[in-house]
Amino acid sequence: MMIATTFTTELSANKVQVELSSHVLKQLLKSGLLHAEDFKCLNANAKQVIWQALLVTSIDNKENHLCA
């Protein structure tokens, strides 16, 4: 199931609303191209999807950086 989320990014004095799939959101967060401080949740659904994406990407990043 593809869940789309909407977020706002501040560019100077302008704001842009963009909708993208949760998969793309996770890829952007995991790659470091997008950070949680760069956007805000516009509704409860977006907040839930974003929190889930942040949790998943933080877990993935921890597993990739564990020392053996």
N, C-alpha and C. Protein backbone atom coordinates (compact mmCIF):
# COMPACT_ATOMS: atom_id res chain seq x y z
N MET A 1 0.85 -1.17 0.00
CA MET A 1 0.00 0.00 0.00
C MET A 1 0.89 1.24 0.00
N MET A 2 0.61 2.16 -0.89
CA MET A 2 1.38 3.38 -0.97
C MET A 2 0.64 4.49 -0.24
N ILE A 3 1.30 5.07 0.76
CA ILE A 3 0.73 6.17 1.52
C ILE A 3 1.47 7.43 1.12
N ALA A 4 0.73 8.42 0.72
CA ALA A 4 1.36 9.69 0.35
C ALA A 4 1.33 10.61 1.55
N THR A 5 2.32 11.45 1.63
CA THR A 5 2.38 12.41 2.72
C THR A 5 2.67 13.78 2.15
N THR A 6 2.22 14.79 2.79
CA THR A 6 2.44 16.17 2.34
C THR A 6 3.30 16.88 3.37
N PHE A 7 4.28 17.64 2.92
CA PHE A 7 5.09 18.40 3.85
C PHE A 7 5.39 19.77 3.27
N THR A 8 5.79 20.69 4.12
CA THR A 8 6.08 22.06 3.71
C THR A 8 7.56 22.34 3.90
N THR A 9 8.17 22.95 2.93
CA THR A 9 9.57 23.34 3.02
C THR A 9 9.67 24.84 2.87
N GLU A 10 10.43 25.47 3.74
CA GLU A 10 10.62 26.92 3.63
C GLU A 10 11.78 27.21 2.70
N LEU A 11 11.52 28.01 1.67
CA LEU A 11 12.55 28.49 0.76
C LEU A 11 12.46 30.00 0.79
N SER A 12 13.37 30.63 1.50
CA SER A 12 13.31 32.07 1.75
C SER A 12 11.98 32.39 2.42
N ALA A 13 11.15 33.20 1.79
CA ALA A 13 9.86 33.56 2.37
C ALA A 13 8.73 32.72 1.78
N ASN A 14 9.03 31.83 0.86
CA ASN A 14 8.02 31.01 0.19
C ASN A 14 7.90 29.64 0.84
N LYS A 15 6.72 29.06 0.74
CA LYS A 15 6.52 27.69 1.20
C LYS A 15 5.96 26.88 0.04
N VAL A 16 6.40 25.64 -0.06
CA VAL A 16 5.97 24.75 -1.13
C VAL A 16 5.39 23.50 -0.50
N GLN A 17 4.19 23.13 -0.91
CA GLN A 17 3.59 21.89 -0.44
C GLN A 17 3.79 20.82 -1.51
N VAL A 18 4.34 19.67 -1.08
CA VAL A 18 4.67 18.60 -2.00
C VAL A 18 4.11 17.30 -1.44
N GLU A 19 3.58 16.46 -2.30
CA GLU A 19 3.10 15.15 -1.88
C GLU A 19 4.00 14.09 -2.50
N LEU A 20 4.45 13.13 -1.68
CA LEU A 20 5.27 12.04 -2.16
C LEU A 20 4.95 10.77 -1.40
N SER A 21 5.36 9.66 -1.95
CA SER A 21 5.08 8.37 -1.30
C SER A 21 5.94 8.20 -0.06
N SER A 22 5.49 7.38 0.86
CA SER A 22 6.27 7.12 2.07
C SER A 22 7.59 6.45 1.73
N HIS A 23 7.62 5.68 0.64
CA HIS A 23 8.86 5.03 0.21
C HIS A 23 9.91 6.08 -0.19
N VAL A 24 9.49 7.06 -0.97
CA VAL A 24 10.40 8.13 -1.38
C VAL A 24 10.85 8.93 -0.15
N LEU A 25 9.92 9.20 0.76
CA LEU A 25 10.26 9.92 1.99
C LEU A 25 11.35 9.17 2.75
N LYS A 26 11.19 7.87 2.91
CA LYS A 26 12.19 7.06 3.61
C LYS A 26 13.54 7.10 2.90
N GLN A 27 13.52 7.04 1.57
CA GLN A 27 14.78 7.10 0.82
C GLN A 27 15.48 8.44 1.01
N LEU A 28 14.72 9.52 0.99
CA LEU A 28 15.31 10.85 1.18
C LEU A 28 15.89 11.00 2.59
N LEU A 29 15.17 10.51 3.59
CA LEU A 29 15.67 10.59 4.96
C LEU A 29 16.91 9.73 5.15
N LYS A 30 16.87 8.52 4.61
CA LYS A 30 17.99 7.59 4.76
C LYS A 30 19.24 8.12 4.06
N SER A 31 19.06 8.78 2.91
CA SER A 31 20.21 9.30 2.16
C SER A 31 20.81 10.55 2.79
N GLY A 32 20.03 11.20 3.67
CA GLY A 32 20.51 12.43 4.29
C GLY A 32 20.17 13.67 3.49
N LEU A 33 19.46 13.50 2.37
CA LEU A 33 19.08 14.66 1.56
C LEU A 33 17.95 15.46 2.19
N LEU A 34 17.20 14.82 3.06
CA LEU A 34 16.08 15.47 3.74
C LEU A 34 16.21 15.17 5.23
N HIS A 35 16.04 16.19 6.06
CA HIS A 35 16.11 16.04 7.51
C HIS A 35 14.79 16.44 8.14
N ALA A 36 14.49 15.88 9.27
CA ALA A 36 13.22 16.16 9.96
C ALA A 36 13.06 17.65 10.25
N GLU A 37 14.14 18.36 10.47
CA GLU A 37 14.06 19.79 10.76
C GLU A 37 13.71 20.62 9.52
N ASP A 38 13.74 20.00 8.34
CA ASP A 38 13.48 20.71 7.09
C ASP A 38 11.99 20.84 6.76
N PHE A 39 11.12 20.16 7.48
CA PHE A 39 9.70 20.18 7.15
C PHE A 39 8.86 20.05 8.39
N LYS A 40 7.56 20.27 8.23
CA LYS A 40 6.63 20.08 9.35
C LYS A 40 5.42 19.30 8.86
N CYS A 41 4.78 18.61 9.77
CA CYS A 41 3.59 17.82 9.47
C CYS A 41 2.39 18.75 9.35
N LEU A 42 1.59 18.54 8.31
CA LEU A 42 0.43 19.39 8.08
C LEU A 42 -0.85 18.80 8.66
N ASN A 43 -0.83 17.51 8.96
CA ASN A 43 -2.02 16.87 9.54
C ASN A 43 -1.60 15.61 10.29
N ALA A 44 -2.55 14.97 10.95
CA ALA A 44 -2.25 13.80 11.78
C ALA A 44 -1.73 12.63 10.96
N ASN A 45 -2.28 12.43 9.76
CA ASN A 45 -1.82 11.33 8.92
C ASN A 45 -0.36 11.55 8.52
N ALA A 46 -0.02 12.76 8.11
CA ALA A 46 1.37 13.05 7.74
C ALA A 46 2.30 12.83 8.93
N LYS A 47 1.87 13.25 10.10
CA LYS A 47 2.69 13.07 11.30
C LYS A 47 2.95 11.59 11.56
N GLN A 48 1.93 10.76 11.42
CA GLN A 48 2.08 9.33 11.65
C GLN A 48 3.04 8.71 10.64
N VAL A 49 2.88 9.05 9.37
CA VAL A 49 3.75 8.50 8.32
C VAL A 49 5.18 8.96 8.52
N ILE A 50 5.37 10.22 8.85
CA ILE A 50 6.72 10.76 9.04
C ILE A 50 7.40 10.14 10.25
N TRP A 51 6.68 10.00 11.36
CA TRP A 51 7.27 9.36 12.55
C TRP A 51 7.70 7.93 12.22
N GLN A 52 6.86 7.20 11.49
CA GLN A 52 7.20 5.83 11.12
C GLN A 52 8.44 5.82 10.24
N ALA A 53 8.51 6.73 9.28
CA ALA A 53 9.67 6.80 8.39
C ALA A 53 10.93 7.14 9.17
N LEU A 54 10.82 8.07 10.11
CA LEU A 54 11.99 8.43 10.93
C LEU A 54 12.45 7.25 11.78
N LEU A 55 11.51 6.51 12.35
CA LEU A 55 11.87 5.34 13.16
C LEU A 55 12.57 4.29 12.31
N VAL A 56 12.01 4.00 11.16
CA VAL A 56 12.58 2.97 10.28
C VAL A 56 13.97 3.37 9.82
N THR A 57 14.13 4.62 9.40
CA THR A 57 15.44 5.04 8.91
C THR A 57 16.47 5.13 10.02
N SER A 58 16.06 5.48 11.24
CA SER A 58 17.02 5.53 12.33
C SER A 58 17.47 4.13 12.73
N ILE A 59 16.57 3.17 12.68
CA ILE A 59 16.92 1.78 12.97
C ILE A 59 17.86 1.25 11.89
N ASP A 60 17.55 1.53 10.62
CA ASP A 60 18.40 1.09 9.51
C ASP A 60 19.80 1.68 9.63
N ASN A 61 19.89 2.96 9.99
CA ASN A 61 21.19 3.62 10.12
C ASN A 61 21.99 3.05 11.27
N LYS A 62 21.34 2.70 12.38
CA LYS A 62 22.06 2.11 13.52
C LYS A 62 22.65 0.76 13.12
N GLU A 63 21.87 -0.05 12.40
CA GLU A 63 22.35 -1.37 12.00
C GLU A 63 23.54 -1.27 11.06
N ASN A 64 23.58 -0.23 10.24
CA ASN A 64 24.68 -0.07 9.28
C ASN A 64 25.95 0.44 9.95
N HIS A 65 25.85 0.99 11.16
CA HIS A 65 27.01 1.57 11.81
C HIS A 65 27.46 0.81 13.05
N LEU A 66 26.95 -0.38 13.27
CA LEU A 66 27.36 -1.16 14.42
C LEU A 66 28.76 -1.71 14.21
N CYS A 67 29.55 -1.72 15.25
CA CYS A 67 30.90 -2.28 15.18
C CYS A 67 30.85 -3.74 15.55
N ALA A 68 31.64 -4.55 14.87
CA ALA A 68 31.68 -5.99 15.14
C ALA A 68 32.81 -6.32 16.08
